[in-house]
Amino acid sequence: MTWPGSVPNRTPADVEERIVALRGELSKAGFDAGAVTIQFHLTQEGLNHVPSVSTIWRILKRRGCVTPEPHKRPRSSWVRFEAALPNERWQSDVTHWRLADGSQVDILNFLDDHSRLITASKAFRVVCAPDVLRVLCEAATNWGFPASVLTDNGCIYTAWHRGGINVLETELLARGIAYHHSRPYHPQTCGKVERFHQTLKGYLVRQERAGDIETLQTQIDTFIAYYNEVRPHRARGRMT
């Protein structure tokens, strides 16, 4: 018998509180805290009846944990491309960060286009073309060399606009690795690694601001371990 005013299928209060708590814990740590990720963590905790993603979303919205965002372009309007196999293509790009004293540093990232695996993420005072080559080769000792590399037109990657080639291009050519670069002023071509920059910075901004490159690299390494081995990725069917 259902009592008047009761909701027979309502999520138990303790589960709802855990959902809200997880949202806060993940957000504070700088990790993804969406409904799908929360559902993943609830499953890992061994709950017998884990709420659906839509239920978790409704709970977060009702509890004031969700900030409405402006409407974005519909997914149907996107032209999406993805490498069919791991190591078919790596994307690379550099983003900037500031240390505790306000000085700017560079973070060089390499990402596998198919699996979203971060094959390398290294901090430098200023990254140069030889640094890019060294990091690529170090990453290849763990993951193997990719069949192709995709970057923007930065001088650390290519010298085509100066009528020559740099050390990275020379090495890729020698190894038979195809090199592709995006059109000028078209960052969407390298959208996966560009999106990762935002994800990484979302974590770093919630940490104590690093005072030196070594401390920053430790923070980056901690996040990469989580990103590669724990975090479920929507683009990979919620797999790591």
C-alpha atoms as a PDB file:
ATOM      1  CA  MET A   1       0.000   0.000   0.000  1.00  0.00           C
ATOM      2  CA  THR A   2       1.252   3.484  -0.923  1.00  0.00           C
ATOM      3  CA  TRP A   3       0.533   6.179   1.640  1.00  0.00           C
ATOM      4  CA  PRO A   4      -1.016   9.412   0.376  1.00  0.00           C
ATOM      5  CA  GLY A   5       1.641  11.953  -0.551  1.00  0.00           C
ATOM      6  CA  SER A   6       4.448   9.404  -0.683  1.00  0.00           C
ATOM      7  CA  VAL A   7       6.666   8.775  -3.703  1.00  0.00           C
ATOM      8  CA  PRO A   8       7.287   4.991  -3.946  1.00  0.00           C
ATOM      9  CA  ASN A   9      10.231   5.220  -6.384  1.00  0.00           C
ATOM     10  CA  ARG A  10      11.982   8.180  -4.814  1.00  0.00           C
ATOM     11  CA  THR A  11      15.720   7.875  -4.315  1.00  0.00           C
ATOM     12  CA  PRO A  12      16.531   7.099  -0.647  1.00  0.00           C
ATOM     13  CA  ALA A  13      17.666  10.119   1.326  1.00  0.00           C
ATOM     14  CA  ASP A  14      21.086   8.634   2.122  1.00  0.00           C
ATOM     15  CA  VAL A  15      21.769   7.959  -1.565  1.00  0.00           C
ATOM     16  CA  GLU A  16      20.671  11.477  -2.476  1.00  0.00           C
ATOM     17  CA  GLU A  17      22.989  12.918   0.157  1.00  0.00           C
ATOM     18  CA  ARG A  18      25.850  10.807  -1.190  1.00  0.00           C
ATOM     19  CA  ILE A  19      25.177  12.135  -4.710  1.00  0.00           C
ATOM     20  CA  VAL A  20      25.389  15.720  -3.462  1.00  0.00           C
ATOM     21  CA  ALA A  21      28.495  14.924  -1.411  1.00  0.00           C
ATOM     22  CA  LEU A  22      30.217  13.309  -4.403  1.00  0.00           C
ATOM     23  CA  ARG A  23      29.406  16.347  -6.499  1.00  0.00           C
ATOM     24  CA  GLY A  24      31.161  18.537  -3.935  1.00  0.00           C
ATOM     25  CA  GLU A  25      34.141  16.201  -3.465  1.00  0.00           C
ATOM     26  CA  LEU A  26      34.829  15.810  -7.185  1.00  0.00           C
ATOM     27  CA  SER A  27      34.356  19.521  -7.904  1.00  0.00           C
ATOM     28  CA  LYS A  28      36.630  20.547  -5.030  1.00  0.00           C
ATOM     29  CA  ALA A  29      39.336  18.180  -6.277  1.00  0.00           C
ATOM     30  CA  GLY A  30      39.063  19.619  -9.786  1.00  0.00           C
ATOM     31  CA  PHE A  31      37.692  16.431 -11.355  1.00  0.00           C
ATOM     32  CA  ASP A  32      34.682  16.010 -13.628  1.00  0.00           C
ATOM     33  CA  ALA A  33      31.544  16.014 -11.454  1.00  0.00           C
ATOM     34  CA  GLY A  34      28.792  15.362 -13.995  1.00  0.00           C
ATOM     35  CA  ALA A  35      25.905  12.957 -13.463  1.00  0.00           C
ATOM     36  CA  VAL A  36      27.537  10.134 -15.448  1.00  0.00           C
ATOM     37  CA  THR A  37      30.765  10.379 -13.458  1.00  0.00           C
ATOM     38  CA  ILE A  38      28.837  10.430 -10.184  1.00  0.00           C
ATOM     39  CA  GLN A  39      26.928   7.323 -11.281  1.00  0.00           C
ATOM     40  CA  PHE A  40      30.258   5.629 -12.045  1.00  0.00           C
ATOM     41  CA  HIS A  41      31.600   6.380  -8.554  1.00  0.00           C
ATOM     42  CA  LEU A  42      28.372   5.185  -6.903  1.00  0.00           C
ATOM     43  CA  THR A  43      28.733   1.910  -8.795  1.00  0.00           C
ATOM     44  CA  GLN A  44      32.354   1.627  -7.629  1.00  0.00           C
ATOM     45  CA  GLU A  45      31.173   2.101  -4.055  1.00  0.00           C
ATOM     46  CA  GLY A  46      28.993  -1.001  -4.392  1.00  0.00           C
ATOM     47  CA  LEU A  47      25.478   0.433  -4.024  1.00  0.00           C
ATOM     48  CA  ASN A  48      22.773  -2.158  -4.716  1.00  0.00           C
ATOM     49  CA  HIS A  49      20.529   0.248  -6.579  1.00  0.00           C
ATOM     50  CA  VAL A  50      22.413   3.012  -8.360  1.00  0.00           C
ATOM     51  CA  PRO A  51      20.114   5.763  -9.692  1.00  0.00           C
ATOM     52  CA  SER A  52      19.999   6.452 -13.414  1.00  0.00           C
ATOM     53  CA  VAL A  53      21.945   9.331 -14.900  1.00  0.00           C
ATOM     54  CA  SER A  54      18.725  11.289 -15.468  1.00  0.00           C
ATOM     55  CA  THR A  55      17.718  10.776 -11.811  1.00  0.00           C
ATOM     56  CA  ILE A  56      21.112  11.961 -10.588  1.00  0.00           C
ATOM     57  CA  TRP A  57      20.837  14.996 -12.861  1.00  0.00           C
ATOM     58  CA  ARG A  58      17.387  15.851 -11.478  1.00  0.00           C
ATOM     59  CA  ILE A  59      18.650  15.527  -7.902  1.00  0.00           C
ATOM     60  CA  LEU A  60      21.596  17.828  -8.609  1.00  0.00           C
ATOM     61  CA  LYS A  61      19.327  20.354 -10.277  1.00  0.00           C
ATOM     62  CA  ARG A  62      16.758  20.238  -7.474  1.00  0.00           C
ATOM     63  CA  ARG A  63      19.468  20.637  -4.827  1.00  0.00           C
ATOM     64  CA  GLY A  64      20.931  23.701  -6.566  1.00  0.00           C
ATOM     65  CA  CYS A  65      24.156  21.986  -7.629  1.00  0.00           C
ATOM     66  CA  VAL A  66      23.762  22.720 -11.341  1.00  0.00           C
ATOM     67  CA  THR A  67      24.286  26.118 -12.926  1.00  0.00           C
ATOM     68  CA  PRO A  68      22.279  26.476 -16.157  1.00  0.00           C
ATOM     69  CA  GLU A  69      24.449  27.111 -19.218  1.00  0.00           C
ATOM     70  CA  PRO A  70      23.581  28.967 -22.419  1.00  0.00           C
ATOM     71  CA  HIS A  71      22.260  26.800 -25.203  1.00  0.00           C
ATOM     72  CA  LYS A  72      25.058  25.359 -27.318  1.00  0.00           C
ATOM     73  CA  ARG A  73      25.109  24.241 -30.916  1.00  0.00           C
ATOM     74  CA  PRO A  74      23.134  20.994 -31.314  1.00  0.00           C
ATOM     75  CA  ARG A  75      25.298  17.892 -31.540  1.00  0.00           C
ATOM     76  CA  SER A  76      23.699  17.109 -34.898  1.00  0.00           C
ATOM     77  CA  SER A  77      25.484  20.148 -36.349  1.00  0.00           C
ATOM     78  CA  TRP A  78      28.953  18.911 -35.416  1.00  0.00           C
ATOM     79  CA  VAL A  79      31.294  17.396 -37.973  1.00  0.00           C
ATOM     80  CA  ARG A  80      33.200  14.907 -35.855  1.00  0.00           C
ATOM     81  CA  PHE A  81      36.296  12.934 -36.790  1.00  0.00           C
ATOM     82  CA  GLU A  82      38.212  10.391 -34.774  1.00  0.00           C
ATOM     83  CA  ALA A  83      41.092   8.052 -35.431  1.00  0.00           C
ATOM     84  CA  ALA A  84      39.867   4.480 -35.842  1.00  0.00           C
ATOM     85  CA  LEU A  85      42.687   2.875 -33.838  1.00  0.00           C
ATOM     86  CA  PRO A  86      45.019   3.706 -30.942  1.00  0.00           C
ATOM     87  CA  ASN A  87      48.308   5.249 -32.118  1.00  0.00           C
ATOM     88  CA  GLU A  88      46.800   6.077 -35.485  1.00  0.00           C
ATOM     89  CA  ARG A  89      47.094   9.776 -34.652  1.00  0.00           C
ATOM     90  CA  TRP A  90      48.375  11.818 -31.731  1.00  0.00           C
ATOM     91  CA  GLN A  91      47.317  15.419 -31.226  1.00  0.00           C
ATOM     92  CA  SER A  92      49.654  17.900 -29.547  1.00  0.00           C
ATOM     93  CA  ASP A  93      49.382  21.463 -28.335  1.00  0.00           C
ATOM     94  CA  VAL A  94      50.827  23.834 -25.742  1.00  0.00           C
ATOM     95  CA  THR A  95      48.846  25.745 -23.147  1.00  0.00           C
ATOM     96  CA  HIS A  96      49.963  28.333 -20.594  1.00  0.00           C
ATOM     97  CA  TRP A  97      49.802  28.461 -16.788  1.00  0.00           C
ATOM     98  CA  ARG A  98      51.062  30.811 -14.085  1.00  0.00           C
ATOM     99  CA  LEU A  99      53.132  29.889 -11.051  1.00  0.00           C
ATOM    100  CA  ALA A 100      52.611  31.400  -7.601  1.00  0.00           C
ATOM    101  CA  ASP A 101      54.910  34.338  -8.389  1.00  0.00           C
ATOM    102  CA  GLY A 102      52.858  35.192 -11.482  1.00  0.00           C
ATOM    103  CA  SER A 103      55.415  33.985 -14.002  1.00  0.00           C
ATOM    104  CA  GLN A 104      54.031  32.191 -17.050  1.00  0.00           C
ATOM    105  CA  VAL A 105      55.048  28.657 -17.968  1.00  0.00           C
ATOM    106  CA  ASP A 106      54.165  26.290 -20.808  1.00  0.00           C
ATOM    107  CA  ILE A 107      52.492  22.884 -20.575  1.00  0.00           C
ATOM    108  CA  LEU A 108      53.063  20.578 -23.555  1.00  0.00           C
ATOM    109  CA  ASN A 109      50.437  17.872 -24.080  1.00  0.00           C
ATOM    110  CA  PHE A 110      50.202  14.833 -26.353  1.00  0.00           C
ATOM    111  CA  LEU A 111      46.862  13.008 -26.648  1.00  0.00           C
ATOM    112  CA  ASP A 112      45.877   9.853 -28.528  1.00  0.00           C
ATOM    113  CA  ASP A 113      43.087  10.836 -30.925  1.00  0.00           C
ATOM    114  CA  HIS A 114      41.246   7.519 -30.640  1.00  0.00           C
ATOM    115  CA  SER A 115      41.431   6.575 -26.960  1.00  0.00           C
ATOM    116  CA  ARG A 116      41.896  10.081 -25.425  1.00  0.00           C
ATOM    117  CA  LEU A 117      44.862   8.682 -23.505  1.00  0.00           C
ATOM    118  CA  ILE A 118      47.282  11.425 -22.465  1.00  0.00           C
ATOM    119  CA  THR A 119      50.616  10.053 -23.640  1.00  0.00           C
ATOM    120  CA  ALA A 120      52.600  13.004 -22.292  1.00  0.00           C
ATOM    121  CA  SER A 121      52.055  16.207 -20.305  1.00  0.00           C
ATOM    122  CA  LYS A 122      55.154  18.189 -19.408  1.00  0.00           C
ATOM    123  CA  ALA A 123      55.725  21.652 -17.921  1.00  0.00           C
ATOM    124  CA  PHE A 124      58.474  24.009 -19.158  1.00  0.00           C
ATOM    125  CA  ARG A 125      59.496  27.577 -18.524  1.00  0.00           C
ATOM    126  CA  VAL A 126      59.397  27.992 -22.296  1.00  0.00           C
ATOM    127  CA  VAL A 127      58.923  24.979 -24.563  1.00  0.00           C
ATOM    128  CA  CYS A 128      61.099  24.773 -27.693  1.00  0.00           C
ATOM    129  CA  ALA A 129      61.101  22.507 -30.753  1.00  0.00           C
ATOM    130  CA  PRO A 130      63.801  20.161 -29.318  1.00  0.00           C
ATOM    131  CA  ASP A 131      61.650  19.796 -26.162  1.00  0.00           C
ATOM    132  CA  VAL A 132      58.692  18.697 -28.283  1.00  0.00           C
ATOM    133  CA  LEU A 133      60.813  16.062 -30.010  1.00  0.00           C
ATOM    134  CA  ARG A 134      62.272  14.810 -26.726  1.00  0.00           C
ATOM    135  CA  VAL A 135      58.849  14.497 -25.073  1.00  0.00           C
ATOM    136  CA  LEU A 136      57.449  12.707 -28.132  1.00  0.00           C
ATOM    137  CA  CYS A 137      60.296  10.173 -28.058  1.00  0.00           C
ATOM    138  CA  GLU A 138      59.943   9.655 -24.292  1.00  0.00           C
ATOM    139  CA  ALA A 139      56.222   9.049 -24.685  1.00  0.00           C
ATOM    140  CA  ALA A 140      56.918   6.580 -27.486  1.00  0.00           C
ATOM    141  CA  THR A 141      59.024   4.435 -25.137  1.00  0.00           C
ATOM    142  CA  ASN A 142      55.812   3.789 -23.173  1.00  0.00           C
ATOM    143  CA  TRP A 143      53.188   3.749 -25.918  1.00  0.00           C
ATOM    144  CA  GLY A 144      55.018   3.266 -29.219  1.00  0.00           C
ATOM    145  CA  PHE A 145      55.293   5.870 -31.963  1.00  0.00           C
ATOM    146  CA  PRO A 146      52.045   7.041 -33.564  1.00  0.00           C
ATOM    147  CA  ALA A 147      51.393   6.622 -37.285  1.00  0.00           C
ATOM    148  CA  SER A 148      50.710  10.346 -37.574  1.00  0.00           C
ATOM    149  CA  VAL A 149      50.873  13.577 -35.553  1.00  0.00           C
ATOM    150  CA  LEU A 150      48.413  16.490 -35.696  1.00  0.00           C
ATOM    151  CA  THR A 151      49.297  19.971 -34.358  1.00  0.00           C
ATOM    152  CA  ASP A 152      48.668  23.630 -34.997  1.00  0.00           C
ATOM    153  CA  ASN A 153      51.130  25.811 -36.917  1.00  0.00           C
ATOM    154  CA  GLY A 154      53.251  26.918 -33.953  1.00  0.00           C
ATOM    155  CA  CYS A 155      56.988  27.369 -34.577  1.00  0.00           C
ATOM    156  CA  ILE A 156      57.806  24.603 -32.100  1.00  0.00           C
ATOM    157  CA  TYR A 157      56.029  22.160 -34.421  1.00  0.00           C
ATOM    158  CA  THR A 158      56.624  23.356 -37.968  1.00  0.00           C
ATOM    159  CA  ALA A 159      58.766  25.748 -39.997  1.00  0.00           C
ATOM    160  CA  TRP A 160      56.803  25.399 -43.232  1.00  0.00           C
ATOM    161  CA  HIS A 161      55.745  29.049 -43.135  1.00  0.00           C
ATOM    162  CA  ARG A 162      59.448  29.991 -43.052  1.00  0.00           C
ATOM    163  CA  GLY A 163      60.206  27.787 -46.014  1.00  0.00           C
ATOM    164  CA  GLY A 164      61.978  25.022 -44.095  1.00  0.00           C
ATOM    165  CA  ILE A 165      61.536  22.172 -41.583  1.00  0.00           C
ATOM    166  CA  ASN A 166      62.502  21.949 -37.919  1.00  0.00           C
ATOM    167  CA  VAL A 167      63.877  19.117 -35.779  1.00  0.00           C
ATOM    168  CA  LEU A 168      60.444  17.615 -35.101  1.00  0.00           C
ATOM    169  CA  GLU A 169      59.498  17.538 -38.766  1.00  0.00           C
ATOM    170  CA  THR A 170      62.887  16.065 -39.663  1.00  0.00           C
ATOM    171  CA  GLU A 171      62.481  13.236 -37.135  1.00  0.00           C
ATOM    172  CA  LEU A 172      58.900  12.484 -38.185  1.00  0.00           C
ATOM    173  CA  LEU A 173      59.977  12.332 -41.816  1.00  0.00           C
ATOM    174  CA  ALA A 174      62.884  10.014 -40.980  1.00  0.00           C
ATOM    175  CA  ARG A 175      60.570   7.662 -39.080  1.00  0.00           C
ATOM    176  CA  GLY A 176      57.872   7.674 -41.767  1.00  0.00           C
ATOM    177  CA  ILE A 177      55.371   9.328 -39.400  1.00  0.00           C
ATOM    178  CA  ALA A 178      52.803  11.433 -41.263  1.00  0.00           C
ATOM    179  CA  TYR A 179      52.573  15.018 -40.060  1.00  0.00           C
ATOM    180  CA  HIS A 180      49.388  17.086 -40.339  1.00  0.00           C
ATOM    181  CA  HIS A 181      48.750  20.609 -39.123  1.00  0.00           C
ATOM    182  CA  SER A 182      45.525  22.566 -38.739  1.00  0.00           C
ATOM    183  CA  ARG A 183      44.438  25.478 -40.867  1.00  0.00           C
ATOM    184  CA  PRO A 184      45.506  28.862 -39.460  1.00  0.00           C
ATOM    185  CA  TYR A 185      43.008  30.248 -36.914  1.00  0.00           C
ATOM    186  CA  HIS A 186      41.068  26.970 -36.827  1.00  0.00           C
ATOM    187  CA  PRO A 187      41.655  25.433 -33.364  1.00  0.00           C
ATOM    188  CA  GLN A 188      38.714  23.042 -33.801  1.00  0.00           C
ATOM    189  CA  THR A 189      40.971  20.760 -35.852  1.00  0.00           C
ATOM    190  CA  CYS A 190      42.923  19.987 -32.672  1.00  0.00           C
ATOM    191  CA  GLY A 191      39.758  20.125 -30.585  1.00  0.00           C
ATOM    192  CA  LYS A 192      40.427  17.056 -28.453  1.00  0.00           C
ATOM    193  CA  VAL A 193      43.713  18.299 -27.031  1.00  0.00           C
ATOM    194  CA  GLU A 194      42.322  21.850 -26.803  1.00  0.00           C
ATOM    195  CA  ARG A 195      39.463  20.473 -24.687  1.00  0.00           C
ATOM    196  CA  PHE A 196      41.935  18.611 -22.509  1.00  0.00           C
ATOM    197  CA  HIS A 197      43.685  21.902 -21.721  1.00  0.00           C
ATOM    198  CA  GLN A 198      40.442  23.110 -20.117  1.00  0.00           C
ATOM    199  CA  THR A 199      40.046  19.872 -18.160  1.00  0.00           C
ATOM    200  CA  LEU A 200      43.616  20.024 -16.850  1.00  0.00           C
ATOM    201  CA  LYS A 201      43.301  23.671 -15.851  1.00  0.00           C
ATOM    202  CA  GLY A 202      40.011  22.921 -14.097  1.00  0.00           C
ATOM    203  CA  TYR A 203      42.023  20.633 -11.843  1.00  0.00           C
ATOM    204  CA  LEU A 204      45.062  22.879 -11.410  1.00  0.00           C
ATOM    205  CA  VAL A 205      43.015  25.926 -10.448  1.00  0.00           C
ATOM    206  CA  ARG A 206      41.697  24.016  -7.425  1.00  0.00           C
ATOM    207  CA  GLN A 207      45.168  23.078  -6.196  1.00  0.00           C
ATOM    208  CA  GLU A 208      47.564  25.240  -4.227  1.00  0.00           C
ATOM    209  CA  ARG A 209      49.327  27.367  -6.827  1.00  0.00           C
ATOM    210  CA  ALA A 210      52.684  25.738  -7.596  1.00  0.00           C
ATOM    211  CA  GLY A 211      55.760  27.781  -6.782  1.00  0.00           C
ATOM    212  CA  ASP A 212      58.072  26.054  -9.262  1.00  0.00           C
ATOM    213  CA  ILE A 213      58.091  23.790 -12.301  1.00  0.00           C
ATOM    214  CA  GLU A 214      58.811  20.657 -10.261  1.00  0.00           C
ATOM    215  CA  THR A 215      55.770  21.151  -8.012  1.00  0.00           C
ATOM    216  CA  LEU A 216      53.579  21.916 -11.016  1.00  0.00           C
ATOM    217  CA  GLN A 217      54.789  18.751 -12.751  1.00  0.00           C
ATOM    218  CA  THR A 218      53.876  16.699  -9.673  1.00  0.00           C
ATOM    219  CA  GLN A 219      50.353  18.157  -9.776  1.00  0.00           C
ATOM    220  CA  ILE A 220      50.099  17.394 -13.490  1.00  0.00           C
ATOM    221  CA  ASP A 221      51.321  13.810 -13.007  1.00  0.00           C
ATOM    222  CA  THR A 222      48.734  13.245 -10.278  1.00  0.00           C
ATOM    223  CA  PHE A 223      45.955  14.425 -12.533  1.00  0.00           C
ATOM    224  CA  ILE A 224      47.152  12.448 -15.563  1.00  0.00           C
ATOM    225  CA  ALA A 225      47.120   9.238 -13.514  1.00  0.00           C
ATOM    226  CA  TYR A 226      43.489   9.935 -12.582  1.00  0.00           C
ATOM    227  CA  TYR A 227      42.531  11.047 -16.103  1.00  0.00           C
ATOM    228  CA  ASN A 228      44.033   7.984 -17.802  1.00  0.00           C
ATOM    229  CA  GLU A 229      43.271   5.254 -15.284  1.00  0.00           C
ATOM    230  CA  VAL A 230      40.200   6.261 -13.240  1.00  0.00           C
ATOM    231  CA  ARG A 231      38.052   8.865 -14.994  1.00  0.00           C
ATOM    232  CA  PRO A 232      35.321   7.410 -17.251  1.00  0.00           C
ATOM    233  CA  HIS A 233      35.248   9.212 -20.607  1.00  0.00           C
ATOM    234  CA  ARG A 234      31.954   9.988 -22.294  1.00  0.00           C
ATOM    235  CA  ALA A 235      33.596   9.852 -25.740  1.00  0.00           C
ATOM    236  CA  ARG A 236      34.811   6.299 -25.004  1.00  0.00           C
ATOM    237  CA  GLY A 237      31.494   4.873 -23.853  1.00  0.00           C
ATOM    238  CA  ARG A 238      32.312   5.760 -20.214  1.00  0.00           C
ATOM    239  CA  MET A 239      35.492   3.686 -20.297  1.00  0.00           C
ATOM    240  CA  THR A 240      38.883   4.826 -18.985  1.00  0.00           C
END
